[in-house]
C-alpha atoms as a PDB file:
ATOM      1  CA  MET A   1      88.882 249.587 201.309  1.00  0.00           C
ATOM      2  CA  ASP A   2      89.615 248.834 197.645  1.00  0.00           C
ATOM      3  CA  ASP A   3      89.567 251.259 194.703  1.00  0.00           C
ATOM      4  CA  ALA A   4      86.201 250.062 193.430  1.00  0.00           C
ATOM      5  CA  GLN A   5      84.513 250.771 196.761  1.00  0.00           C
ATOM      6  CA  LEU A   6      86.177 254.165 197.005  1.00  0.00           C
ATOM      7  CA  ARG A   7      84.967 255.054 193.518  1.00  0.00           C
ATOM      8  CA  ARG A   8      81.428 254.154 194.520  1.00  0.00           C
ATOM      9  CA  GLU A   9      81.677 256.367 197.615  1.00  0.00           C
ATOM     10  CA  MET A  10      82.965 259.276 195.514  1.00  0.00           C
ATOM     11  CA  GLU A  11      79.971 259.194 193.194  1.00  0.00           C
ATOM     12  CA  GLY A  12      77.957 262.384 193.594  1.00  0.00           C
ATOM     13  CA  LEU A  13      80.795 264.246 195.336  1.00  0.00           C
ATOM     14  CA  SER A  14      82.502 267.238 193.757  1.00  0.00           C
ATOM     15  CA  PHE A  15      86.243 267.597 194.374  1.00  0.00           C
ATOM     16  CA  TYR A  16      88.508 270.612 193.929  1.00  0.00           C
ATOM     17  CA  HIS A  17      91.840 269.105 194.948  1.00  0.00           C
ATOM     18  CA  THR A  18      93.485 266.046 193.472  1.00  0.00           C
ATOM     19  CA  ILE A  19      94.239 263.949 196.561  1.00  0.00           C
ATOM     20  CA  SER A  20      95.901 260.555 196.514  1.00  0.00           C
ATOM     21  CA  LEU A  21      93.729 257.968 198.272  1.00  0.00           C
ATOM     22  CA  THR A  22      95.632 254.800 197.360  1.00  0.00           C
ATOM     23  CA  PRO A  23      98.703 254.094 195.222  1.00  0.00           C
ATOM     24  CA  THR A  24      96.370 253.762 192.221  1.00  0.00           C
ATOM     25  CA  LEU A  25      93.471 256.146 192.945  1.00  0.00           C
ATOM     26  CA  SER A  26      93.108 259.900 193.471  1.00  0.00           C
ATOM     27  CA  THR A  27      90.144 262.212 193.765  1.00  0.00           C
ATOM     28  CA  PRO A  28      89.080 263.821 190.455  1.00  0.00           C
ATOM     29  CA  GLY A  29      90.016 267.413 191.249  1.00  0.00           C
ATOM     30  CA  TRP A  30      90.384 270.358 188.885  1.00  0.00           C
ATOM     31  CA  PRO A  31      93.425 269.699 186.645  1.00  0.00           C
ATOM     32  CA  VAL A  32      93.846 273.421 185.903  1.00  0.00           C
ATOM     33  CA  VAL A  33      94.786 274.204 189.524  1.00  0.00           C
ATOM     34  CA  VAL A  34      97.299 271.373 189.951  1.00  0.00           C
ATOM     35  CA  PRO A  35     100.409 273.451 189.003  1.00  0.00           C
ATOM     36  CA  ILE A  36      99.305 276.244 191.350  1.00  0.00           C
ATOM     37  CA  VAL A  37      98.669 273.822 194.204  1.00  0.00           C
ATOM     38  CA  GLU A  38     101.997 272.087 193.619  1.00  0.00           C
ATOM     39  CA  MET A  39     103.803 275.439 193.886  1.00  0.00           C
ATOM     40  CA  ALA A  40     102.155 276.155 197.241  1.00  0.00           C
ATOM     41  CA  LEU A  41     102.903 272.612 198.425  1.00  0.00           C
ATOM     42  CA  ARG A  42     106.587 273.109 197.621  1.00  0.00           C
ATOM     43  CA  ALA A  43     106.606 276.117 199.936  1.00  0.00           C
ATOM     44  CA  LEU A  44     104.734 274.292 202.697  1.00  0.00           C
ATOM     45  CA  ARG A  45     107.090 271.308 202.580  1.00  0.00           C
ATOM     46  CA  LYS A  46     110.021 273.600 203.353  1.00  0.00           C
ATOM     47  CA  VAL A  47     108.437 274.649 206.664  1.00  0.00           C
ATOM     48  CA  ASP A  48     109.132 272.649 209.821  1.00  0.00           C
ATOM     49  CA  LEU A  49     105.624 271.606 210.893  1.00  0.00           C
ATOM     50  CA  ARG A  50     106.606 269.045 213.532  1.00  0.00           C
ATOM     51  CA  GLY A  51     104.474 269.553 216.621  1.00  0.00           C
ATOM     52  CA  LYS A  52     102.947 272.768 215.246  1.00  0.00           C
ATOM     53  CA  ARG A  53      99.391 274.113 215.181  1.00  0.00           C
ATOM     54  CA  VAL A  54      98.357 274.764 211.578  1.00  0.00           C
ATOM     55  CA  LEU A  55      95.422 276.707 210.120  1.00  0.00           C
ATOM     56  CA  ASP A  56      94.411 276.268 206.472  1.00  0.00           C
ATOM     57  CA  ILE A  57      92.302 279.221 205.270  1.00  0.00           C
ATOM     58  CA  GLY A  58      90.156 278.451 202.240  1.00  0.00           C
ATOM     59  CA  CYS A  59      90.784 274.747 202.731  1.00  0.00           C
ATOM     60  CA  ARG A  60      88.295 273.410 200.145  1.00  0.00           C
ATOM     61  CA  ASP A  61      88.793 269.609 200.161  1.00  0.00           C
ATOM     62  CA  GLY A  62      91.658 269.834 202.650  1.00  0.00           C
ATOM     63  CA  LEU A  63      94.738 268.908 200.612  1.00  0.00           C
ATOM     64  CA  PHE A  64      96.965 271.266 202.636  1.00  0.00           C
ATOM     65  CA  CYS A  65      95.452 270.012 205.889  1.00  0.00           C
ATOM     66  CA  PHE A  66      96.310 266.421 205.056  1.00  0.00           C
ATOM     67  CA  GLU A  67      99.779 267.402 203.855  1.00  0.00           C
ATOM     68  CA  ALA A  68     100.425 269.288 207.094  1.00  0.00           C
ATOM     69  CA  GLU A  69      99.540 266.136 209.046  1.00  0.00           C
ATOM     70  CA  LYS A  70     101.991 264.109 206.948  1.00  0.00           C
ATOM     71  CA  LEU A  71     104.653 266.687 207.743  1.00  0.00           C
ATOM     72  CA  GLY A  72     104.150 266.199 211.477  1.00  0.00           C
ATOM     73  CA  ALA A  73     101.696 268.924 212.524  1.00  0.00           C
ATOM     74  CA  ALA A  74     100.209 268.291 215.948  1.00  0.00           C
ATOM     75  CA  GLU A  75      96.868 269.976 215.208  1.00  0.00           C
ATOM     76  CA  VAL A  76      95.316 271.069 211.920  1.00  0.00           C
ATOM     77  CA  ILE A  77      92.187 273.138 211.383  1.00  0.00           C
ATOM     78  CA  GLY A  78      90.760 273.941 207.956  1.00  0.00           C
ATOM     79  CA  ILE A  79      88.223 276.718 207.413  1.00  0.00           C
ATOM     80  CA  ASP A  80      86.216 277.660 204.338  1.00  0.00           C
ATOM     81  CA  ASN A  81      82.982 279.586 203.900  1.00  0.00           C
ATOM     82  CA  ASP A  82      81.613 276.979 201.495  1.00  0.00           C
ATOM     83  CA  ILE A  83      82.276 273.369 202.485  1.00  0.00           C
ATOM     84  CA  ASP A  84      80.252 270.387 201.335  1.00  0.00           C
ATOM     85  CA  PRO A  85      80.584 268.403 204.588  1.00  0.00           C
ATOM     86  CA  ARG A  86      80.350 265.110 202.720  1.00  0.00           C
ATOM     87  CA  VAL A  87      83.730 265.699 201.073  1.00  0.00           C
ATOM     88  CA  PRO A  88      85.879 266.172 204.220  1.00  0.00           C
ATOM     89  CA  GLU A  89      83.930 263.440 205.981  1.00  0.00           C
ATOM     90  CA  PHE A  90      84.814 261.004 203.194  1.00  0.00           C
ATOM     91  CA  LEU A  91      88.453 262.105 203.057  1.00  0.00           C
ATOM     92  CA  ILE A  92      88.975 262.131 206.827  1.00  0.00           C
ATOM     93  CA  ARG A  93      87.619 258.608 207.059  1.00  0.00           C
ATOM     94  CA  THR A  94      89.579 257.330 204.061  1.00  0.00           C
ATOM     95  CA  LEU A  95      92.879 258.958 205.054  1.00  0.00           C
ATOM     96  CA  ARG A  96      92.399 258.329 208.796  1.00  0.00           C
ATOM     97  CA  SER A  97      92.962 262.014 209.395  1.00  0.00           C
ATOM     98  CA  GLN A  98      92.546 263.976 212.629  1.00  0.00           C
ATOM     99  CA  ALA A  99      92.124 267.313 210.841  1.00  0.00           C
ATOM    100  CA  VAL A 100      89.150 269.444 211.852  1.00  0.00           C
ATOM    101  CA  PHE A 101      87.082 271.268 209.227  1.00  0.00           C
ATOM    102  CA  ARG A 102      84.808 274.229 209.928  1.00  0.00           C
ATOM    103  CA  THR A 103      82.471 276.241 207.724  1.00  0.00           C
ATOM    104  CA  PHE A 104      83.765 279.652 208.722  1.00  0.00           C
ATOM    105  CA  ASN A 105      84.262 283.101 207.208  1.00  0.00           C
ATOM    106  CA  LEU A 106      87.775 284.532 207.311  1.00  0.00           C
ATOM    107  CA  PHE A 107      86.459 287.945 208.350  1.00  0.00           C
ATOM    108  CA  ASP A 108      85.123 286.418 211.573  1.00  0.00           C
ATOM    109  CA  LEU A 109      88.591 285.118 212.507  1.00  0.00           C
ATOM    110  CA  ARG A 110      89.998 286.425 215.793  1.00  0.00           C
ATOM    111  CA  PRO A 111      92.819 285.158 218.014  1.00  0.00           C
ATOM    112  CA  GLU A 112      90.279 283.926 220.539  1.00  0.00           C
ATOM    113  CA  THR A 113      88.339 281.921 217.931  1.00  0.00           C
ATOM    114  CA  PHE A 114      90.725 278.970 217.625  1.00  0.00           C
ATOM    115  CA  GLY A 115      93.759 280.341 219.452  1.00  0.00           C
ATOM    116  CA  ARG A 116      96.945 281.392 217.705  1.00  0.00           C
ATOM    117  CA  PHE A 117      98.716 279.219 215.177  1.00  0.00           C
ATOM    118  CA  ASP A 118     102.353 278.440 214.483  1.00  0.00           C
ATOM    119  CA  VAL A 119     101.699 278.156 210.743  1.00  0.00           C
ATOM    120  CA  ILE A 120      98.902 279.552 208.571  1.00  0.00           C
ATOM    121  CA  VAL A 121      98.385 278.393 204.995  1.00  0.00           C
ATOM    122  CA  PHE A 122      96.447 280.929 202.916  1.00  0.00           C
ATOM    123  CA  PRO A 123      96.212 279.693 199.309  1.00  0.00           C
ATOM    124  CA  GLY A 124      93.985 280.914 196.507  1.00  0.00           C
ATOM    125  CA  VAL A 125      91.849 283.287 198.594  1.00  0.00           C
ATOM    126  CA  LEU A 126      93.357 286.772 198.788  1.00  0.00           C
ATOM    127  CA  TYR A 127      92.597 287.733 195.178  1.00  0.00           C
ATOM    128  CA  HIS A 128      88.894 287.030 195.798  1.00  0.00           C
ATOM    129  CA  LEU A 129      88.660 289.530 198.672  1.00  0.00           C
ATOM    130  CA  ARG A 130      87.447 293.098 198.317  1.00  0.00           C
ATOM    131  CA  TYR A 131      89.026 293.969 201.693  1.00  0.00           C
ATOM    132  CA  PRO A 132      92.495 292.424 201.332  1.00  0.00           C
ATOM    133  CA  PHE A 133      94.335 294.600 203.856  1.00  0.00           C
ATOM    134  CA  TRP A 134      91.844 293.822 206.600  1.00  0.00           C
ATOM    135  CA  ALA A 135      92.048 290.114 205.754  1.00  0.00           C
ATOM    136  CA  LEU A 136      95.837 290.151 206.049  1.00  0.00           C
ATOM    137  CA  ARG A 137      95.615 291.882 209.402  1.00  0.00           C
ATOM    138  CA  LEU A 138      93.208 289.216 210.691  1.00  0.00           C
ATOM    139  CA  VAL A 139      95.574 286.518 209.477  1.00  0.00           C
ATOM    140  CA  ARG A 140      98.503 288.253 211.146  1.00  0.00           C
ATOM    141  CA  ASP A 141      96.661 288.523 214.451  1.00  0.00           C
ATOM    142  CA  ALA A 142      95.810 284.798 214.397  1.00  0.00           C
ATOM    143  CA  LEU A 143      99.478 283.897 213.914  1.00  0.00           C
ATOM    144  CA  ALA A 144     101.844 283.456 216.850  1.00  0.00           C
ATOM    145  CA  ASP A 145     104.884 285.731 217.066  1.00  0.00           C
ATOM    146  CA  GLY A 146     107.620 284.148 214.990  1.00  0.00           C
ATOM    147  CA  GLY A 147     105.040 282.023 213.175  1.00  0.00           C
ATOM    148  CA  THR A 148     105.000 281.299 209.457  1.00  0.00           C
ATOM    149  CA  LEU A 149     102.524 282.360 206.784  1.00  0.00           C
ATOM    150  CA  VAL A 150     102.454 280.497 203.462  1.00  0.00           C
ATOM    151  CA  LEU A 151     100.472 282.756 201.137  1.00  0.00           C
ATOM    152  CA  GLU A 152      99.553 281.913 197.549  1.00  0.00           C
ATOM    153  CA  THR A 153      97.566 284.288 195.363  1.00  0.00           C
ATOM    154  CA  ALA A 154      97.099 285.645 191.863  1.00  0.00           C
ATOM    155  CA  VAL A 155      99.283 288.671 191.137  1.00  0.00           C
ATOM    156  CA  LEU A 156      99.461 291.373 188.495  1.00  0.00           C
ATOM    157  CA  ALA A 157     102.516 290.840 186.277  1.00  0.00           C
ATOM    158  CA  ASP A 158     103.908 294.280 185.475  1.00  0.00           C
ATOM    159  CA  GLU A 159     107.279 296.029 185.494  1.00  0.00           C
ATOM    160  CA  ASN A 160     107.126 295.811 189.315  1.00  0.00           C
ATOM    161  CA  ARG A 161     108.647 299.267 189.801  1.00  0.00           C
ATOM    162  CA  HIS A 162     105.885 300.514 192.114  1.00  0.00           C
ATOM    163  CA  ALA A 163     103.734 298.833 194.758  1.00  0.00           C
ATOM    164  CA  LEU A 164     100.351 298.492 193.026  1.00  0.00           C
ATOM    165  CA  LEU A 165      96.935 296.956 193.586  1.00  0.00           C
ATOM    166  CA  PHE A 166      94.775 296.177 190.535  1.00  0.00           C
ATOM    167  CA  CYS A 167      91.150 295.997 191.688  1.00  0.00           C
ATOM    168  CA  PRO A 168      88.803 295.341 188.744  1.00  0.00           C
ATOM    169  CA  THR A 169      85.075 294.704 188.991  1.00  0.00           C
ATOM    170  CA  GLY A 170      82.651 292.672 186.942  1.00  0.00           C
ATOM    171  CA  ALA A 171      83.669 291.769 183.403  1.00  0.00           C
ATOM    172  CA  GLU A 172      86.928 293.720 183.749  1.00  0.00           C
ATOM    173  CA  SER A 173      88.345 290.980 185.956  1.00  0.00           C
ATOM    174  CA  PRO A 174      90.937 288.882 184.113  1.00  0.00           C
ATOM    175  CA  TYR A 175      89.535 285.802 185.870  1.00  0.00           C
ATOM    176  CA  GLU A 176      85.854 286.093 186.818  1.00  0.00           C
ATOM    177  CA  PRO A 177      83.806 288.661 188.789  1.00  0.00           C
ATOM    178  CA  THR A 178      84.744 287.450 192.275  1.00  0.00           C
ATOM    179  CA  SER A 179      88.448 287.842 191.438  1.00  0.00           C
ATOM    180  CA  CYS A 180      88.914 291.483 192.306  1.00  0.00           C
ATOM    181  CA  THR A 181      92.214 292.032 194.133  1.00  0.00           C
ATOM    182  CA  PHE A 182      95.515 291.598 192.318  1.00  0.00           C
ATOM    183  CA  PHE A 183      98.617 292.998 193.999  1.00  0.00           C
ATOM    184  CA  ASN A 184     101.719 293.176 191.887  1.00  0.00           C
ATOM    185  CA  ARG A 185     104.690 291.383 193.454  1.00  0.00           C
ATOM    186  CA  LYS A 186     106.153 294.542 194.951  1.00  0.00           C
ATOM    187  CA  GLY A 187     102.761 295.589 196.289  1.00  0.00           C
ATOM    188  CA  LEU A 188     102.240 292.218 197.970  1.00  0.00           C
ATOM    189  CA  HIS A 189     105.770 292.096 199.360  1.00  0.00           C
ATOM    190  CA  ASP A 190     105.645 295.653 200.706  1.00  0.00           C
ATOM    191  CA  THR A 191     102.159 295.220 202.157  1.00  0.00           C
ATOM    192  CA  LEU A 192     103.251 292.107 204.035  1.00  0.00           C
ATOM    193  CA  ALA A 193     106.354 293.909 205.298  1.00  0.00           C
ATOM    194  CA  SER A 194     104.264 296.861 206.472  1.00  0.00           C
ATOM    195  CA  MET A 195     102.134 294.487 208.540  1.00  0.00           C
ATOM    196  CA  GLY A 196     105.050 292.900 210.328  1.00  0.00           C
ATOM    197  CA  PHE A 197     105.930 290.016 208.013  1.00  0.00           C
ATOM    198  CA  GLU A 198     109.410 289.233 206.791  1.00  0.00           C
ATOM    199  CA  VAL A 199     109.204 287.604 203.368  1.00  0.00           C
ATOM    200  CA  GLU A 200     111.728 284.778 203.457  1.00  0.00           C
ATOM    201  CA  ALA A 201     111.035 283.103 200.111  1.00  0.00           C
ATOM    202  CA  SER A 202     108.854 283.556 197.047  1.00  0.00           C
ATOM    203  CA  GLU A 203     108.101 281.773 193.803  1.00  0.00           C
ATOM    204  CA  CYS A 204     106.048 282.766 190.783  1.00  0.00           C
ATOM    205  CA  LEU A 205     104.444 280.133 188.624  1.00  0.00           C
ATOM    206  CA  MET A 206     105.091 281.614 185.168  1.00  0.00           C
ATOM    207  CA  ASN A 207     107.478 284.503 185.905  1.00  0.00           C
ATOM    208  CA  LEU A 208     105.670 286.683 183.393  1.00  0.00           C
ATOM    209  CA  PRO A 209     107.800 289.661 182.354  1.00  0.00           C
ATOM    210  CA  GLY A 210     106.632 293.228 182.683  1.00  0.00           C
ATOM    211  CA  GLU A 211     106.635 295.621 179.770  1.00  0.00           C
ATOM    212  CA  PRO A 212     110.190 296.927 179.211  1.00  0.00           C
ATOM    213  CA  ASN A 213     108.983 300.500 178.668  1.00  0.00           C
ATOM    214  CA  GLY A 214     107.028 300.527 181.917  1.00  0.00           C
ATOM    215  CA  ARG A 215     103.589 300.331 180.264  1.00  0.00           C
ATOM    216  CA  LEU A 216     101.041 297.644 181.041  1.00  0.00           C
ATOM    217  CA  PRO A 217      99.649 295.538 178.181  1.00  0.00           C
ATOM    218  CA  ASP A 218      96.076 296.199 177.084  1.00  0.00           C
ATOM    219  CA  GLN A 219      94.994 292.970 178.792  1.00  0.00           C
ATOM    220  CA  PRO A 220      96.377 292.566 182.336  1.00  0.00           C
ATOM    221  CA  GLN A 221      98.774 289.667 182.709  1.00  0.00           C
ATOM    222  CA  ILE A 222      98.109 287.554 185.781  1.00  0.00           C
ATOM    223  CA  ASP A 223     100.649 285.236 187.377  1.00  0.00           C
ATOM    224  CA  ARG A 224     100.463 283.148 190.553  1.00  0.00           C
ATOM    225  CA  CYS A 225     102.844 283.741 193.426  1.00  0.00           C
ATOM    226  CA  THR A 226     103.644 282.014 196.704  1.00  0.00           C
ATOM    227  CA  MET A 227     105.350 283.920 199.519  1.00  0.00           C
ATOM    228  CA  THR A 228     106.615 282.330 202.721  1.00  0.00           C
ATOM    229  CA  CYS A 229     106.734 284.877 205.540  1.00  0.00           C
ATOM    230  CA  ARG A 230     107.715 285.011 209.183  1.00  0.00           C
ATOM    231  CA  LYS A 231     105.707 287.157 211.583  1.00  0.00           C
ATOM    232  CA  THR A 232     107.954 289.651 213.337  1.00  0.00           C
ATOM    233  CA  THR A 233     107.175 292.263 215.950  1.00  0.00           C
ATOM    234  CA  LEU A 234     106.145 295.672 214.653  1.00  0.00           C
ATOM    235  CA  GLY A 235     108.541 297.306 217.097  1.00  0.00           C
ATOM    236  CA  ARG A 236     108.141 301.023 217.683  1.00  0.00           C
ATOM    237  CA  ASP A 237     107.083 301.941 214.166  1.00  0.00           C
ATOM    238  CA  LYS A 238     104.500 304.651 214.831  1.00  0.00           C
ATOM    239  CA  THR A 239     103.032 304.325 211.350  1.00  0.00           C
ATOM    240  CA  ASN A 240     102.091 300.710 212.011  1.00  0.00           C
ATOM    241  CA  ILE A 241     100.589 301.701 215.337  1.00  0.00           C
ATOM    242  CA  TYR A 242      98.590 304.414 213.566  1.00  0.00           C
ATOM    243  CA  TRP A 243      97.357 301.951 210.920  1.00  0.00           C
ATOM    244  CA  ASP A 244      96.318 299.502 213.609  1.00  0.00           C
ATOM    245  CA  GLY A 245      94.035 302.097 215.156  1.00  0.00           C
ATOM    246  CA  ASP A 246      95.864 302.966 218.364  1.00  0.00           C
ATOM    247  CA  PRO A 247      93.779 305.860 219.766  1.00  0.00           C
ATOM    248  CA  ASN A 248      96.932 307.419 221.195  1.00  0.00           C
ATOM    249  CA  ALA A 249      98.689 307.578 217.820  1.00  0.00           C
ATOM    250  CA  HIS A 250      97.673 311.050 216.677  1.00  0.00           C
ATOM    251  CA  ASN A 251     100.803 311.957 214.754  1.00  0.00           C
ATOM    252  CA  LEU A 252     102.399 310.701 211.570  1.00  0.00           C
ATOM    253  CA  PRO A 253     106.070 310.803 210.592  1.00  0.00           C
ATOM    254  CA  ASN A 254     107.076 313.491 208.163  1.00  0.00           C
ATOM    255  CA  TRP A 255     109.541 312.713 205.382  1.00  0.00           C
ATOM    256  CA  ASP A 256     112.406 314.247 207.408  1.00  0.00           C
ATOM    257  CA  GLY A 257     111.547 312.084 210.432  1.00  0.00           C
ATOM    258  CA  LYS A 258     109.874 314.921 212.335  1.00  0.00           C
ATOM    259  CA  ARG A 259     106.325 314.721 213.593  1.00  0.00           C
ATOM    260  CA  ARG A 260     103.346 316.495 212.106  1.00  0.00           C
ATOM    261  CA  SER A 261      99.675 316.449 213.009  1.00  0.00           C
ATOM    262  CA  ALA A 262      97.424 314.005 211.215  1.00  0.00           C
END
């Protein structure tokens, strides 16, 4: 299929990702997201995907799905709650892909839905979610023990001394109203660790500095961050068991390590 025919087929389709179709033609995605996507792709390309099952959450046009296939993934599933089916159909046919796309809400994800995955890619979604901790738990539960999470999200750029979550609403959002959950880097790192993830690598897009005197600027500074994490076992940490809702976990650790009633 030549470029002219591909251009005709793309007429009327709206693309988010910039995806190479031929050596001389790519889909007309959103240029503003290209640096963010490239950062997440750098992280994904460092993961050994050969023979692995991969889930792409918030897949949009499927750029990460197609990249995972190129990197040797055995099975790739992309989910998004708002997919124009014409776009993946066109791309799957053009790229001769075996990836599977589903219109699916993250909050319906369970281990029994698609099985567990060796690698989960989770780019550009977390900061849109009003229930971020629950979302991360669902992602964790869908990941096989020892599996890898590649997470990319918008983060609050501050002095990073304390684990914080900036949760604006409406016009107070530094992006737009659906962008409502901005961890700072320490908050994101510590939250992932508390859920049984070991953060193995991270990269920020702009490396915005925090205020030297510990105060935030009048307008929140937002950076983008990718963290590559390995799912570990939670071990015997009673706090994690308590957070996960174990009905037998009625006690919490005190600061001196002793037990006290909840």
